Amino acid sequence: MGSKTETVHFRVHTPNLLKEVLENLNPKKNHGILFIPMNAFRNLLAQVAERAIELDDPKLNCLMIQLTLYGEADPSSPDFKETMDYLKNNGGDIYAGEPKAPY
């Protein structure tokens, strides 16, 4: 092993993450107790995204894009490339969900 460090980047697709967590809760293992708070969290994030759209702050928009809380930030969106350009042009990190940690 050398002393070279690499930076690892992660994107967070928040809606898919929450959907997967909710779909894989196992009531037999008492995971079902998480359904209500996870659903409430998902709904709260949707409200935050709506408010962020109203505020139209570039830094906040970048964070919302990094969390894929705007539909255009979804890689399957036809507007994805334009959204990534917005992110780059407004100081956002196209590799959302840092930290940039050496591993």
Protein backbone atom coordinates (compact mmCIF):
# COMPACT_ATOMS: atom_id res chain seq x y z
CA MET A 1 0.00 0.00 0.00
CA GLY A 2 1.33 3.39 -0.96
CA SER A 3 0.56 6.74 0.56
CA LYS A 4 -1.75 7.71 -2.30
CA THR A 5 -5.21 8.71 -1.13
CA GLU A 6 -8.28 8.63 -3.28
CA THR A 7 -11.38 10.73 -2.98
CA VAL A 8 -14.65 8.85 -2.93
CA HIS A 9 -17.78 10.67 -4.08
CA PHE A 10 -21.37 9.66 -3.49
CA ARG A 11 -24.66 10.85 -4.91
CA VAL A 12 -27.71 10.59 -2.72
CA HIS A 13 -30.96 9.80 -4.51
CA THR A 14 -33.08 10.57 -1.46
CA PRO A 15 -36.50 9.52 -2.83
CA ASN A 16 -35.13 6.14 -3.95
CA LEU A 17 -33.32 5.65 -0.66
CA LEU A 18 -36.46 6.32 1.36
CA LYS A 19 -38.56 4.16 -0.97
CA GLU A 20 -36.14 1.25 -0.63
CA VAL A 21 -36.01 1.56 3.15
CA LEU A 22 -39.80 1.64 3.38
CA GLU A 23 -40.23 -1.29 1.00
CA ASN A 24 -37.76 -3.42 2.94
CA LEU A 25 -39.08 -2.89 6.44
CA ASN A 26 -39.69 -6.26 8.02
CA PRO A 27 -42.61 -6.35 10.47
CA LYS A 28 -41.41 -9.73 11.75
CA LYS A 29 -38.21 -8.06 12.94
CA ASN A 30 -40.10 -5.10 14.43
CA HIS A 31 -38.90 -2.79 11.61
CA GLY A 32 -42.52 -1.80 10.96
CA ILE A 33 -42.22 0.73 13.76
CA LEU A 34 -40.09 2.83 11.37
CA PHE A 35 -42.81 3.12 8.72
CA ILE A 36 -44.59 6.13 10.23
CA PRO A 37 -41.48 8.23 11.05
CA MET A 38 -39.89 7.42 7.66
CA ASN A 39 -43.07 8.40 5.86
CA ALA A 40 -43.28 11.61 7.91
CA PHE A 41 -39.65 12.36 7.06
CA ARG A 42 -40.33 11.80 3.35
CA ASN A 43 -43.32 14.15 3.48
CA LEU A 44 -41.32 16.78 5.36
CA LEU A 45 -38.55 16.63 2.76
CA ALA A 46 -41.15 17.17 0.03
CA GLN A 47 -42.33 20.31 1.85
CA VAL A 48 -38.73 21.51 2.19
CA ALA A 49 -38.23 21.00 -1.55
CA GLU A 50 -41.37 23.01 -2.30
CA ARG A 51 -40.17 25.85 -0.08
CA ALA A 52 -36.71 25.76 -1.64
CA ILE A 53 -38.30 26.18 -5.07
CA GLU A 54 -40.17 29.24 -3.79
CA LEU A 55 -36.99 30.77 -2.32
CA ASP A 56 -34.93 30.06 -5.47
CA ASP A 57 -31.62 30.43 -3.65
CA PRO A 58 -28.73 29.07 -5.77
CA LYS A 59 -26.88 27.46 -2.85
CA LEU A 60 -30.07 25.88 -1.52
CA ASN A 61 -30.97 24.72 -5.03
CA CYS A 62 -27.57 23.02 -5.27
CA LEU A 63 -28.18 21.16 -2.02
CA MET A 64 -31.65 20.12 -3.15
CA ILE A 65 -30.22 18.87 -6.45
CA GLN A 66 -27.49 16.93 -4.64
CA LEU A 67 -30.18 15.21 -2.59
CA THR A 68 -32.25 14.58 -5.76
CA LEU A 69 -35.18 16.37 -4.16
CA TYR A 70 -35.92 18.14 -7.43
CA GLY A 71 -37.31 15.95 -10.21
CA GLU A 72 -34.82 17.39 -12.68
CA ALA A 73 -31.96 16.05 -10.56
CA ASP A 74 -33.05 12.47 -11.19
CA PRO A 75 -30.64 10.87 -13.67
CA SER A 76 -33.63 9.51 -15.62
CA SER A 77 -35.01 13.04 -16.14
CA PRO A 78 -34.67 14.54 -19.62
CA ASP A 79 -33.50 17.75 -17.88
CA PHE A 80 -30.74 16.01 -15.91
CA LYS A 81 -27.80 17.33 -17.97
CA GLU A 82 -29.11 20.89 -17.74
CA THR A 83 -29.56 20.48 -13.99
CA MET A 84 -25.98 19.23 -13.58
CA ASP A 85 -24.79 22.26 -15.59
CA TYR A 86 -26.74 24.51 -13.18
CA LEU A 87 -25.09 22.73 -10.27
CA LYS A 88 -21.59 23.20 -11.70
CA ASN A 89 -22.24 26.86 -12.57
CA ASN A 90 -23.57 27.68 -9.11
CA GLY A 91 -20.84 26.17 -7.00
CA GLY A 92 -22.50 22.86 -6.28
CA ASP A 93 -20.72 19.55 -6.27
CA ILE A 94 -21.94 17.19 -8.96
CA TYR A 95 -20.91 14.36 -6.65
CA ALA A 96 -23.57 14.91 -4.06
CA GLY A 97 -23.52 13.64 -0.58
CA GLU A 98 -19.85 14.07 0.12
CA PRO A 99 -17.72 13.84 2.39
CA LYS A 100 -14.64 13.59 0.26
CA ALA A 101 -12.86 11.20 2.55
CA PRO A 102 -9.63 9.36 1.83
CA TYR A 103 -10.02 5.57 1.97
